[in-house]
Protein backbone atom coordinates (compact mmCIF):
# COMPACT_ATOMS: atom_id res chain seq x y z
CA MET A 1 92.00 118.98 89.99
CA THR A 2 95.41 120.72 90.08
CA ILE A 3 98.05 118.59 91.91
CA ARG A 4 100.02 120.38 94.49
CA PHE A 5 102.97 118.48 95.78
CA LEU A 6 104.06 118.99 99.35
CA ILE A 7 107.54 117.58 99.94
CA ASP A 8 108.05 116.19 103.43
CA GLU A 9 110.95 117.24 105.58
CA CYS A 10 112.63 113.79 105.23
CA LEU A 11 113.30 114.73 101.53
CA SER A 12 115.17 117.59 99.93
CA PRO A 13 113.39 120.90 99.38
CA GLU A 14 115.03 120.88 95.96
CA LEU A 15 112.32 118.53 94.89
CA VAL A 16 109.86 121.45 94.85
CA GLN A 17 111.71 123.02 91.86
CA ARG A 18 111.60 119.66 90.07
CA ALA A 19 107.82 119.68 90.61
CA VAL A 20 107.48 123.25 89.43
CA GLN A 21 109.52 122.54 86.22
CA ALA A 22 107.25 119.55 85.56
CA GLY A 23 104.09 121.79 85.60
CA TYR A 24 103.12 121.79 89.25
CA PRO A 25 103.73 125.47 90.10
CA GLU A 26 101.76 125.39 93.47
CA SER A 27 104.16 122.81 95.00
CA SER A 28 105.95 123.53 98.24
CA CYS A 29 107.73 121.75 101.11
CA VAL A 30 107.08 121.22 104.75
CA ARG A 31 110.03 123.47 105.66
CA ASP A 32 108.78 126.42 103.61
CA ARG A 33 105.29 126.11 105.02
CA GLY A 34 106.67 126.36 108.65
CA LEU A 35 105.70 122.78 109.42
CA THR A 36 109.19 121.27 110.22
CA GLY A 37 109.00 119.01 113.17
CA THR A 38 105.18 118.66 112.95
CA LYS A 39 103.94 115.22 114.15
CA ASP A 40 102.59 113.11 111.32
CA TRP A 41 98.93 113.05 112.87
CA LYS A 42 98.99 116.87 112.86
CA LEU A 43 100.67 117.17 109.43
CA ILE A 44 97.99 115.14 107.76
CA GLU A 45 95.43 117.68 108.86
CA HIS A 46 97.33 120.33 106.92
CA VAL A 47 97.82 118.05 104.00
CA VAL A 48 94.18 117.23 103.69
CA ALA A 49 92.85 120.77 104.41
CA GLY A 50 95.20 122.12 101.74
CA ASP A 51 94.56 119.47 99.03
CA TRP A 52 98.33 118.66 99.08
CA THR A 53 99.73 115.43 97.58
CA LEU A 54 102.31 114.48 100.12
CA VAL A 55 105.72 113.26 98.81
CA THR A 56 107.62 111.40 101.57
CA HIS A 57 110.17 108.67 102.39
CA ASN A 58 108.35 108.09 105.59
CA ALA A 59 105.93 105.72 103.89
CA ILE A 60 104.97 103.45 106.74
CA ASP A 61 103.58 106.31 108.82
CA PHE A 62 101.34 107.53 106.05
CA ARG A 63 100.31 104.39 104.19
CA GLY A 64 101.11 101.64 106.64
CA GLY A 65 102.61 98.37 105.58
CA GLY A 66 101.65 98.78 101.89
CA PRO A 67 98.67 97.85 99.68
CA ASP A 68 97.96 94.61 101.67
CA ARG A 69 98.42 96.21 105.05
CA LEU A 70 96.95 99.70 104.89
CA ALA A 71 97.24 101.77 108.01
CA GLY A 72 98.81 105.14 108.71
CA GLU A 73 97.58 108.62 108.47
CA HIS A 74 96.33 108.56 104.77
CA ALA A 75 94.39 105.42 105.31
CA LYS A 76 92.44 107.15 108.07
CA GLN A 77 91.28 109.85 105.81
CA PRO A 78 88.02 109.50 103.78
CA ILE A 79 89.45 111.63 101.08
CA HIS A 80 92.82 113.03 100.29
CA ALA A 81 94.74 114.33 97.27
CA GLY A 82 97.26 111.42 97.12
CA LEU A 83 100.39 110.13 98.49
CA VAL A 84 103.82 109.61 96.73
CA CYS A 85 106.28 107.39 98.53
CA LEU A 86 109.97 107.28 97.49
CA GLY A 87 112.18 104.54 98.67
CA SER A 88 115.44 102.62 98.03
CA VAL A 89 117.45 99.83 99.60
CA HIS A 90 120.30 102.29 99.05
CA PRO A 91 120.76 105.59 101.04
CA LEU A 92 118.33 108.06 99.61
CA ASP A 93 120.90 110.70 98.71
CA LEU A 94 120.04 113.81 96.72
CA LEU A 95 120.69 112.38 93.27
CA ARG A 96 118.60 109.32 94.14
CA GLN A 97 115.76 111.50 95.41
CA HIS A 98 115.79 113.45 92.16
CA ALA A 99 115.76 110.36 90.06
CA LEU A 100 112.98 108.64 91.87
CA PHE A 101 110.85 111.75 92.11
CA GLN A 102 111.26 112.31 88.32
CA MET A 103 109.97 108.76 87.80
CA ALA A 104 107.01 109.49 90.04
CA LEU A 105 106.36 112.77 88.13
CA ASN A 106 106.48 110.77 84.84
CA GLN A 107 103.86 108.36 86.09
CA VAL A 108 101.63 111.10 87.59
CA ALA A 109 101.55 112.78 84.17
CA GLU A 110 99.89 109.69 82.82
CA LEU A 111 97.21 109.59 85.54
CA GLU A 112 94.11 111.70 85.64
CA ASP A 113 94.66 112.60 89.34
CA LEU A 114 95.90 111.09 92.57
CA VAL A 115 92.73 111.34 94.73
CA ASN A 116 92.77 108.59 97.40
CA THR A 117 95.76 107.03 95.58
CA ALA A 118 99.21 105.97 96.69
CA LEU A 119 102.10 105.87 94.18
CA GLU A 120 105.20 104.07 95.46
CA VAL A 121 108.51 104.29 93.68
CA PHE A 122 111.01 101.90 95.16
CA GLU A 123 114.63 101.10 93.89
CA ASN A 124 115.76 97.58 94.50
CA GLU A 125 119.25 96.29 95.21
CA ASP A 126 120.08 95.78 91.50
CA GLY A 127 119.00 99.26 90.58
CA SER A 128 115.68 98.22 89.11
CA VAL A 129 112.66 100.31 90.18
CA ASP A 130 109.17 99.04 91.10
CA MET A 131 106.16 101.27 90.93
CA LEU A 132 102.99 100.49 92.73
CA ILE A 133 99.67 102.37 92.43
CA TYR A 134 96.87 101.45 94.74
CA ASP A 135 93.87 103.02 96.46
CA ILE A 136 94.31 104.39 99.98
CA PRO A 137 92.03 103.92 101.90
CA ASP A 138 90.88 100.76 100.29
CA PRO A 139 87.43 101.33 98.82
CA THR A 140 86.19 97.84 99.65
């Protein structure tokens, strides 16, 4: 499966170029697909139909409260191409978005695919970064 990242409108469209440079040439962003302002429940239809791996900062709406409290739009889907959530206790400025997304890209390169998988990259107060990978929806 070829991964195609779709960058949500809450993140910079510049991340598309970073994905392309990392070897994901079919990546795009919500803005460039004419989906700006689309409600999450409607956006997930486009994401699933297009086999997009959504990259967002809006994690709760798409994965719920995390691996122990799955909910949200991705958890409702029987199959999807994956979810990447970028977060920080600090403001998610452009430099921070690029750094966290690069960490996500490095991790994705080590995985076979992201089908029904969430990858969270979160920067803590001290600058350390936690990465979580879990199934969504939970297969159990």
